[in-house]
Amino acid sequence: MYLFLVIFFFRKQIFKNYIEIELQLGNIDRCRKLYELYLEWSPENCYAWSKYAELERSLAETERSRVIFELAISQPALDMP
């Protein structure tokens, strides 16, 4: 069980770090793809949903941001933010 938790934590951290690197490089489409993969792997993750929506809002993509929030709240379960 402990090993699973360690792997789970590091996978989340890898996604976060990879997205940050791609964002610094200006690879917005790659960031979007990474967020989609992150959310496929962990659809209950409030942090990932909100950061993805924030990214779109920062790019003045209001409609995309709204859709992402709508998808987030339609999930059957979400963790605590």
PDB file of N, CA and C in Angstrom:
ATOM      1  N   MET A   1       0.826  -1.193   0.000  1.00  0.00           N
ATOM      2  CA  MET A   1       0.000   0.000   0.000  1.00  0.00           C
ATOM      3  C   MET A   1       0.874   1.262   0.000  1.00  0.00           C
ATOM      4  N   TYR A   2       1.920   1.259   0.814  1.00  0.00           N
ATOM      5  CA  TYR A   2       2.800   2.420   0.902  1.00  0.00           C
ATOM      6  C   TYR A   2       3.446   2.719  -0.450  1.00  0.00           C
ATOM      7  N   LEU A   3       3.897   1.688  -1.133  1.00  0.00           N
ATOM      8  CA  LEU A   3       4.526   1.865  -2.442  1.00  0.00           C
ATOM      9  C   LEU A   3       3.550   2.491  -3.428  1.00  0.00           C
ATOM     10  N   PHE A   4       2.296   2.058  -3.399  1.00  0.00           N
ATOM     11  CA  PHE A   4       1.280   2.639  -4.279  1.00  0.00           C
ATOM     12  C   PHE A   4       1.136   4.134  -4.016  1.00  0.00           C
ATOM     13  N   LEU A   5       1.108   4.539  -2.755  1.00  0.00           N
ATOM     14  CA  LEU A   5       0.971   5.956  -2.410  1.00  0.00           C
ATOM     15  C   LEU A   5       2.171   6.767  -2.886  1.00  0.00           C
ATOM     16  N   VAL A   6       3.349   6.210  -2.771  1.00  0.00           N
ATOM     17  CA  VAL A   6       4.557   6.894  -3.244  1.00  0.00           C
ATOM     18  C   VAL A   6       4.492   7.079  -4.756  1.00  0.00           C
ATOM     19  N   ILE A   7       4.144   6.022  -5.469  1.00  0.00           N
ATOM     20  CA  ILE A   7       4.027   6.105  -6.930  1.00  0.00           C
ATOM     21  C   ILE A   7       2.946   7.101  -7.314  1.00  0.00           C
ATOM     22  N   PHE A   8       1.815   7.060  -6.622  1.00  0.00           N
ATOM     23  CA  PHE A   8       0.711   7.979  -6.896  1.00  0.00           C
ATOM     24  C   PHE A   8       1.161   9.424  -6.711  1.00  0.00           C
ATOM     25  N   PHE A   9       1.849   9.723  -5.609  1.00  0.00           N
ATOM     26  CA  PHE A   9       2.312  11.084  -5.344  1.00  0.00           C
ATOM     27  C   PHE A   9       3.286  11.544  -6.417  1.00  0.00           C
ATOM     28  N   PHE A  10       4.243  10.726  -6.758  1.00  0.00           N
ATOM     29  CA  PHE A  10       5.243  11.142  -7.731  1.00  0.00           C
ATOM     30  C   PHE A  10       4.657  11.307  -9.125  1.00  0.00           C
ATOM     31  N   ARG A  11       3.664  10.510  -9.477  1.00  0.00           N
ATOM     32  CA  ARG A  11       3.036  10.672 -10.783  1.00  0.00           C
ATOM     33  C   ARG A  11       2.363  12.041 -10.853  1.00  0.00           C
ATOM     34  N   LYS A  12       1.687  12.434  -9.784  1.00  0.00           N
ATOM     35  CA  LYS A  12       1.065  13.757  -9.746  1.00  0.00           C
ATOM     36  C   LYS A  12       2.130  14.842  -9.886  1.00  0.00           C
ATOM     37  N   GLN A  13       3.234  14.680  -9.191  1.00  0.00           N
ATOM     38  CA  GLN A  13       4.307  15.673  -9.235  1.00  0.00           C
ATOM     39  C   GLN A  13       4.946  15.734 -10.618  1.00  0.00           C
ATOM     40  N   ILE A  14       5.090  14.597 -11.260  1.00  0.00           N
ATOM     41  CA  ILE A  14       5.654  14.566 -12.611  1.00  0.00           C
ATOM     42  C   ILE A  14       4.764  15.338 -13.569  1.00  0.00           C
ATOM     43  N   PHE A  15       3.451  15.115 -13.494  1.00  0.00           N
ATOM     44  CA  PHE A  15       2.532  15.871 -14.345  1.00  0.00           C
ATOM     45  C   PHE A  15       2.674  17.370 -14.090  1.00  0.00           C
ATOM     46  N   LYS A  16       2.680  17.764 -12.820  1.00  0.00           N
ATOM     47  CA  LYS A  16       2.775  19.192 -12.476  1.00  0.00           C
ATOM     48  C   LYS A  16       4.060  19.805 -13.028  1.00  0.00           C
ATOM     49  N   ASN A  17       5.170  19.133 -12.820  1.00  0.00           N
ATOM     50  CA  ASN A  17       6.457  19.660 -13.277  1.00  0.00           C
ATOM     51  C   ASN A  17       6.547  19.715 -14.797  1.00  0.00           C
ATOM     52  N   TYR A  18       6.070  18.684 -15.452  1.00  0.00           N
ATOM     53  CA  TYR A  18       6.113  18.629 -16.918  1.00  0.00           C
ATOM     54  C   TYR A  18       5.263  19.750 -17.511  1.00  0.00           C
ATOM     55  N   ILE A  19       4.082  19.968 -16.955  1.00  0.00           N
ATOM     56  CA  ILE A  19       3.212  21.047 -17.436  1.00  0.00           C
ATOM     57  C   ILE A  19       3.893  22.396 -17.228  1.00  0.00           C
ATOM     58  N   GLU A  20       4.519  22.585 -16.089  1.00  0.00           N
ATOM     59  CA  GLU A  20       5.203  23.851 -15.801  1.00  0.00           C
ATOM     60  C   GLU A  20       6.331  24.100 -16.806  1.00  0.00           C
ATOM     61  N   ILE A  21       7.099  23.078 -17.119  1.00  0.00           N
ATOM     62  CA  ILE A  21       8.187  23.220 -18.099  1.00  0.00           C
ATOM     63  C   ILE A  21       7.633  23.600 -19.463  1.00  0.00           C
ATOM     64  N   GLU A  22       6.599  22.898 -19.901  1.00  0.00           N
ATOM     65  CA  GLU A  22       6.006  23.198 -21.210  1.00  0.00           C
ATOM     66  C   GLU A  22       5.410  24.602 -21.238  1.00  0.00           C
ATOM     67  N   LEU A  23       4.846  25.033 -20.135  1.00  0.00           N
ATOM     68  CA  LEU A  23       4.296  26.386 -20.048  1.00  0.00           C
ATOM     69  C   LEU A  23       5.412  27.423 -20.167  1.00  0.00           C
ATOM     70  N   GLN A  24       6.529  27.193 -19.486  1.00  0.00           N
ATOM     71  CA  GLN A  24       7.663  28.111 -19.573  1.00  0.00           C
ATOM     72  C   GLN A  24       8.227  28.167 -20.991  1.00  0.00           C
ATOM     73  N   LEU A  25       8.142  27.058 -21.709  1.00  0.00           N
ATOM     74  CA  LEU A  25       8.620  27.018 -23.091  1.00  0.00           C
ATOM     75  C   LEU A  25       7.598  27.587 -24.075  1.00  0.00           C
ATOM     76  N   GLY A  26       6.405  27.874 -23.579  1.00  0.00           N
ATOM     77  CA  GLY A  26       5.366  28.449 -24.425  1.00  0.00           C
ATOM     78  C   GLY A  26       4.617  27.433 -25.267  1.00  0.00           C
ATOM     79  N   ASN A  27       4.715  26.167 -24.900  1.00  0.00           N
ATOM     80  CA  ASN A  27       4.046  25.098 -25.642  1.00  0.00           C
ATOM     81  C   ASN A  27       2.631  24.883 -25.093  1.00  0.00           C
ATOM     82  N   ILE A  28       1.736  25.780 -25.440  1.00  0.00           N
ATOM     83  CA  ILE A  28       0.383  25.764 -24.893  1.00  0.00           C
ATOM     84  C   ILE A  28      -0.380  24.509 -25.313  1.00  0.00           C
ATOM     85  N   ASP A  29      -0.275  24.127 -26.577  1.00  0.00           N
ATOM     86  CA  ASP A  29      -0.980  22.923 -27.023  1.00  0.00           C
ATOM     87  C   ASP A  29      -0.488  21.688 -26.275  1.00  0.00           C
ATOM     88  N   ARG A  30       0.802  21.641 -26.006  1.00  0.00           N
ATOM     89  CA  ARG A  30       1.359  20.517 -25.242  1.00  0.00           C
ATOM     90  C   ARG A  30       0.838  20.544 -23.805  1.00  0.00           C
ATOM     91  N   CYS A  31       0.720  21.732 -23.218  1.00  0.00           N
ATOM     92  CA  CYS A  31       0.152  21.856 -21.868  1.00  0.00           C
ATOM     93  C   CYS A  31      -1.276  21.327 -21.841  1.00  0.00           C
ATOM     94  N   ARG A  32      -2.043  21.686 -22.844  1.00  0.00           N
ATOM     95  CA  ARG A  32      -3.431  21.204 -22.917  1.00  0.00           C
ATOM     96  C   ARG A  32      -3.472  19.679 -22.971  1.00  0.00           C
ATOM     97  N   LYS A  33      -2.626  19.101 -23.800  1.00  0.00           N
ATOM     98  CA  LYS A  33      -2.594  17.644 -23.923  1.00  0.00           C
ATOM     99  C   LYS A  33      -2.190  16.993 -22.599  1.00  0.00           C
ATOM    100  N   LEU A  34      -1.215  17.586 -21.921  1.00  0.00           N
ATOM    101  CA  LEU A  34      -0.781  17.040 -20.636  1.00  0.00           C
ATOM    102  C   LEU A  34      -1.887  17.129 -19.589  1.00  0.00           C
ATOM    103  N   TYR A  35      -2.608  18.245 -19.560  1.00  0.00           N
ATOM    104  CA  TYR A  35      -3.735  18.350 -18.630  1.00  0.00           C
ATOM    105  C   TYR A  35      -4.793  17.300 -18.948  1.00  0.00           C
ATOM    106  N   GLU A  36      -5.053  17.069 -20.232  1.00  0.00           N
ATOM    107  CA  GLU A  36      -6.029  16.045 -20.610  1.00  0.00           C
ATOM    108  C   GLU A  36      -5.584  14.663 -20.131  1.00  0.00           C
ATOM    109  N   LEU A  37      -4.304  14.345 -20.297  1.00  0.00           N
ATOM    110  CA  LEU A  37      -3.778  13.063 -19.818  1.00  0.00           C
ATOM    111  C   LEU A  37      -3.836  12.980 -18.293  1.00  0.00           C
ATOM    112  N   TYR A  38      -3.478  14.067 -17.630  1.00  0.00           N
ATOM    113  CA  TYR A  38      -3.520  14.137 -16.169  1.00  0.00           C
ATOM    114  C   TYR A  38      -4.938  13.849 -15.682  1.00  0.00           C
ATOM    115  N   LEU A  39      -5.920  14.463 -16.329  1.00  0.00           N
ATOM    116  CA  LEU A  39      -7.307  14.295 -15.901  1.00  0.00           C
ATOM    117  C   LEU A  39      -7.885  12.941 -16.306  1.00  0.00           C
ATOM    118  N   GLU A  40      -7.375  12.338 -17.355  1.00  0.00           N
ATOM    119  CA  GLU A  40      -7.755  10.957 -17.682  1.00  0.00           C
ATOM    120  C   GLU A  40      -7.285  10.029 -16.576  1.00  0.00           C
ATOM    121  N   TRP A  41      -6.073  10.260 -16.112  1.00  0.00           N
ATOM    122  CA  TRP A  41      -5.485   9.430 -15.073  1.00  0.00           C
ATOM    123  C   TRP A  41      -6.119   9.698 -13.711  1.00  0.00           C
ATOM    124  N   SER A  42      -6.476  10.959 -13.443  1.00  0.00           N
ATOM    125  CA  SER A  42      -7.000  11.334 -12.126  1.00  0.00           C
ATOM    126  C   SER A  42      -8.164  12.315 -12.272  1.00  0.00           C
ATOM    127  N   PRO A  43      -9.322  11.846 -12.725  1.00  0.00           N
ATOM    128  CA  PRO A  43     -10.446  12.752 -13.003  1.00  0.00           C
ATOM    129  C   PRO A  43     -11.056  13.404 -11.766  1.00  0.00           C
ATOM    130  N   GLU A  44     -10.742  12.907 -10.589  1.00  0.00           N
ATOM    131  CA  GLU A  44     -11.277  13.493  -9.357  1.00  0.00           C
ATOM    132  C   GLU A  44     -10.394  14.620  -8.808  1.00  0.00           C
ATOM    133  N   ASN A  45      -9.319  14.941  -9.496  1.00  0.00           N
ATOM    134  CA  ASN A  45      -8.321  15.886  -9.003  1.00  0.00           C
ATOM    135  C   ASN A  45      -8.744  17.346  -9.226  1.00  0.00           C
ATOM    136  N   CYS A  46      -9.231  17.993  -8.165  1.00  0.00           N
ATOM    137  CA  CYS A  46      -9.670  19.399  -8.248  1.00  0.00           C
ATOM    138  C   CYS A  46      -8.536  20.329  -8.667  1.00  0.00           C
ATOM    139  N   TYR A  47      -7.342  20.049  -8.162  1.00  0.00           N
ATOM    140  CA  TYR A  47      -6.189  20.884  -8.490  1.00  0.00           C
ATOM    141  C   TYR A  47      -5.979  20.922 -10.001  1.00  0.00           C
ATOM    142  N   ALA A  48      -5.978  19.759 -10.642  1.00  0.00           N
ATOM    143  CA  ALA A  48      -5.731  19.689 -12.087  1.00  0.00           C
ATOM    144  C   ALA A  48      -6.830  20.397 -12.866  1.00  0.00           C
ATOM    145  N   TRP A  49      -8.088  20.184 -12.480  1.00  0.00           N
ATOM    146  CA  TRP A  49      -9.195  20.860 -13.171  1.00  0.00           C
ATOM    147  C   TRP A  49      -9.059  22.375 -13.058  1.00  0.00           C
ATOM    148  N   SER A  50      -8.797  22.859 -11.848  1.00  0.00           N
ATOM    149  CA  SER A  50      -8.736  24.314 -11.661  1.00  0.00           C
ATOM    150  C   SER A  50      -7.520  24.927 -12.353  1.00  0.00           C
ATOM    151  N   LYS A  51      -6.385  24.247 -12.331  1.00  0.00           N
ATOM    152  CA  LYS A  51      -5.197  24.773 -13.013  1.00  0.00           C
ATOM    153  C   LYS A  51      -5.389  24.782 -14.529  1.00  0.00           C
ATOM    154  N   TYR A  52      -6.047  23.773 -15.055  1.00  0.00           N
ATOM    155  CA  TYR A  52      -6.326  23.715 -16.487  1.00  0.00           C
ATOM    156  C   TYR A  52      -7.250  24.872 -16.877  1.00  0.00           C
ATOM    157  N   ALA A  53      -8.290  25.094 -16.098  1.00  0.00           N
ATOM    158  CA  ALA A  53      -9.209  26.207 -16.372  1.00  0.00           C
ATOM    159  C   ALA A  53      -8.498  27.552 -16.222  1.00  0.00           C
ATOM    160  N   GLU A  54      -7.619  27.665 -15.225  1.00  0.00           N
ATOM    161  CA  GLU A  54      -6.831  28.895 -15.035  1.00  0.00           C
ATOM    162  C   GLU A  54      -5.946  29.170 -16.243  1.00  0.00           C
ATOM    163  N   LEU A  55      -5.329  28.126 -16.771  1.00  0.00           N
ATOM    164  CA  LEU A  55      -4.489  28.276 -17.961  1.00  0.00           C
ATOM    165  C   LEU A  55      -5.299  28.878 -19.098  1.00  0.00           C
ATOM    166  N   GLU A  56      -6.462  28.324 -19.352  1.00  0.00           N
ATOM    167  CA  GLU A  56      -7.295  28.829 -20.445  1.00  0.00           C
ATOM    168  C   GLU A  56      -7.751  30.265 -20.180  1.00  0.00           C
ATOM    169  N   ARG A  57      -8.074  30.564 -18.942  1.00  0.00           N
ATOM    170  CA  ARG A  57      -8.489  31.930 -18.598  1.00  0.00           C
ATOM    171  C   ARG A  57      -7.335  32.903 -18.812  1.00  0.00           C
ATOM    172  N   SER A  58      -6.120  32.496 -18.473  1.00  0.00           N
ATOM    173  CA  SER A  58      -4.954  33.369 -18.645  1.00  0.00           C
ATOM    174  C   SER A  58      -4.661  33.635 -20.119  1.00  0.00           C
ATOM    175  N   LEU A  59      -5.152  32.754 -20.984  1.00  0.00           N
ATOM    176  CA  LEU A  59      -4.971  32.918 -22.427  1.00  0.00           C
ATOM    177  C   LEU A  59      -6.171  33.613 -23.069  1.00  0.00           C
ATOM    178  N   ALA A  60      -7.064  34.136 -22.236  1.00  0.00           N
ATOM    179  CA  ALA A  60      -8.300  34.804 -22.678  1.00  0.00           C
ATOM    180  C   ALA A  60      -9.216  33.842 -23.432  1.00  0.00           C
ATOM    181  N   GLU A  61      -9.128  32.573 -23.101  1.00  0.00           N
ATOM    182  CA  GLU A  61      -9.997  31.541 -23.677  1.00  0.00           C
ATOM    183  C   GLU A  61     -11.133  31.271 -22.685  1.00  0.00           C
ATOM    184  N   THR A  62     -11.996  32.269 -22.519  1.00  0.00           N
ATOM    185  CA  THR A  62     -13.056  32.212 -21.518  1.00  0.00           C
ATOM    186  C   THR A  62     -13.993  31.028 -21.736  1.00  0.00           C
ATOM    187  N   GLU A  63     -14.358  30.786 -22.964  1.00  0.00           N
ATOM    188  CA  GLU A  63     -15.287  29.684 -23.251  1.00  0.00           C
ATOM    189  C   GLU A  63     -14.659  28.334 -22.905  1.00  0.00           C
ATOM    190  N   ARG A  64     -13.400  28.148 -23.256  1.00  0.00           N
ATOM    191  CA  ARG A  64     -12.706  26.898 -22.903  1.00  0.00           C
ATOM    192  C   ARG A  64     -12.650  26.734 -21.387  1.00  0.00           C
ATOM    193  N   SER A  65     -12.338  27.820 -20.702  1.00  0.00           N
ATOM    194  CA  SER A  65     -12.263  27.781 -19.248  1.00  0.00           C
ATOM    195  C   SER A  65     -13.606  27.382 -18.642  1.00  0.00           C
ATOM    196  N   ARG A  66     -14.677  27.966 -19.144  1.00  0.00           N
ATOM    197  CA  ARG A  66     -16.018  27.661 -18.642  1.00  0.00           C
ATOM    198  C   ARG A  66     -16.355  26.189 -18.869  1.00  0.00           C
ATOM    199  N   VAL A  67     -16.038  25.680 -20.047  1.00  0.00           N
ATOM    200  CA  VAL A  67     -16.321  24.275 -20.361  1.00  0.00           C
ATOM    201  C   VAL A  67     -15.533  23.344 -19.438  1.00  0.00           C
ATOM    202  N   ILE A  68     -14.289  23.689 -19.163  1.00  0.00           N
ATOM    203  CA  ILE A  68     -13.465  22.864 -18.266  1.00  0.00           C
ATOM    204  C   ILE A  68     -14.074  22.828 -16.874  1.00  0.00           C
ATOM    205  N   PHE A  69     -14.508  23.984 -16.366  1.00  0.00           N
ATOM    206  CA  PHE A  69     -15.160  24.004 -15.053  1.00  0.00           C
ATOM    207  C   PHE A  69     -16.450  23.184 -15.068  1.00  0.00           C
ATOM    208  N   GLU A  70     -17.207  23.274 -16.144  1.00  0.00           N
ATOM    209  CA  GLU A  70     -18.440  22.484 -16.244  1.00  0.00           C
ATOM    210  C   GLU A  70     -18.140  20.989 -16.254  1.00  0.00           C
ATOM    211  N   LEU A  71     -17.100  20.595 -16.982  1.00  0.00           N
ATOM    212  CA  LEU A  71     -16.702  19.185 -16.979  1.00  0.00           C
ATOM    213  C   LEU A  71     -16.267  18.748 -15.579  1.00  0.00           C
ATOM    214  N   ALA A  72     -15.562  19.623 -14.890  1.00  0.00           N
ATOM    215  CA  ALA A  72     -15.096  19.295 -13.537  1.00  0.00           C
ATOM    216  C   ALA A  72     -16.270  19.040 -12.598  1.00  0.00           C
ATOM    217  N   ILE A  73     -17.244  19.939 -12.604  1.00  0.00           N
ATOM    218  CA  ILE A  73     -18.348  19.765 -11.655  1.00  0.00           C
ATOM    219  C   ILE A  73     -19.294  18.638 -12.054  1.00  0.00           C
ATOM    220  N   SER A  74     -19.169  18.155 -13.273  1.00  0.00           N
ATOM    221  CA  SER A  74     -20.005  17.027 -13.691  1.00  0.00           C
ATOM    222  C   SER A  74     -19.377  15.677 -13.332  1.00  0.00           C
ATOM    223  N   GLN A  75     -18.172  15.694 -12.758  1.00  0.00           N
ATOM    224  CA  GLN A  75     -17.520  14.447 -12.359  1.00  0.00           C
ATOM    225  C   GLN A  75     -18.288  13.817 -11.196  1.00  0.00           C
ATOM    226  N   PRO A  76     -18.386  12.492 -11.167  1.00  0.00           N
ATOM    227  CA  PRO A  76     -19.124  11.839 -10.081  1.00  0.00           C
ATOM    228  C   PRO A  76     -18.484  12.047  -8.710  1.00  0.00           C
ATOM    229  N   ALA A  77     -17.173  12.258  -8.679  1.00  0.00           N
ATOM    230  CA  ALA A  77     -16.482  12.486  -7.406  1.00  0.00           C
ATOM    231  C   ALA A  77     -15.307  13.422  -7.644  1.00  0.00           C
ATOM    232  N   LEU A  78     -15.095  14.329  -6.692  1.00  0.00           N
ATOM    233  CA  LEU A  78     -13.942  15.235  -6.724  1.00  0.00           C
ATOM    234  C   LEU A  78     -13.291  15.226  -5.354  1.00  0.00           C
ATOM    235  N   ASP A  79     -11.958  15.354  -5.334  1.00  0.00           N
ATOM    236  CA  ASP A  79     -11.282  15.460  -4.048  1.00  0.00           C
ATOM    237  C   ASP A  79     -11.397  16.890  -3.535  1.00  0.00           C
ATOM    238  N   MET A  80     -10.923  17.110  -2.357  1.00  0.00           N
ATOM    239  CA  MET A  80     -10.988  18.448  -1.763  1.00  0.00           C
ATOM    240  C   MET A  80      -9.931  19.336  -2.394  1.00  0.00           C
ATOM    241  N   PRO A  81     -10.279  20.585  -2.700  1.00  0.00           N
ATOM    242  CA  PRO A  81      -9.277  21.496  -3.296  1.00  0.00           C
ATOM    243  C   PRO A  81      -8.203  21.884  -2.303  1.00  0.00           C
TER     244      PRO A  81
END
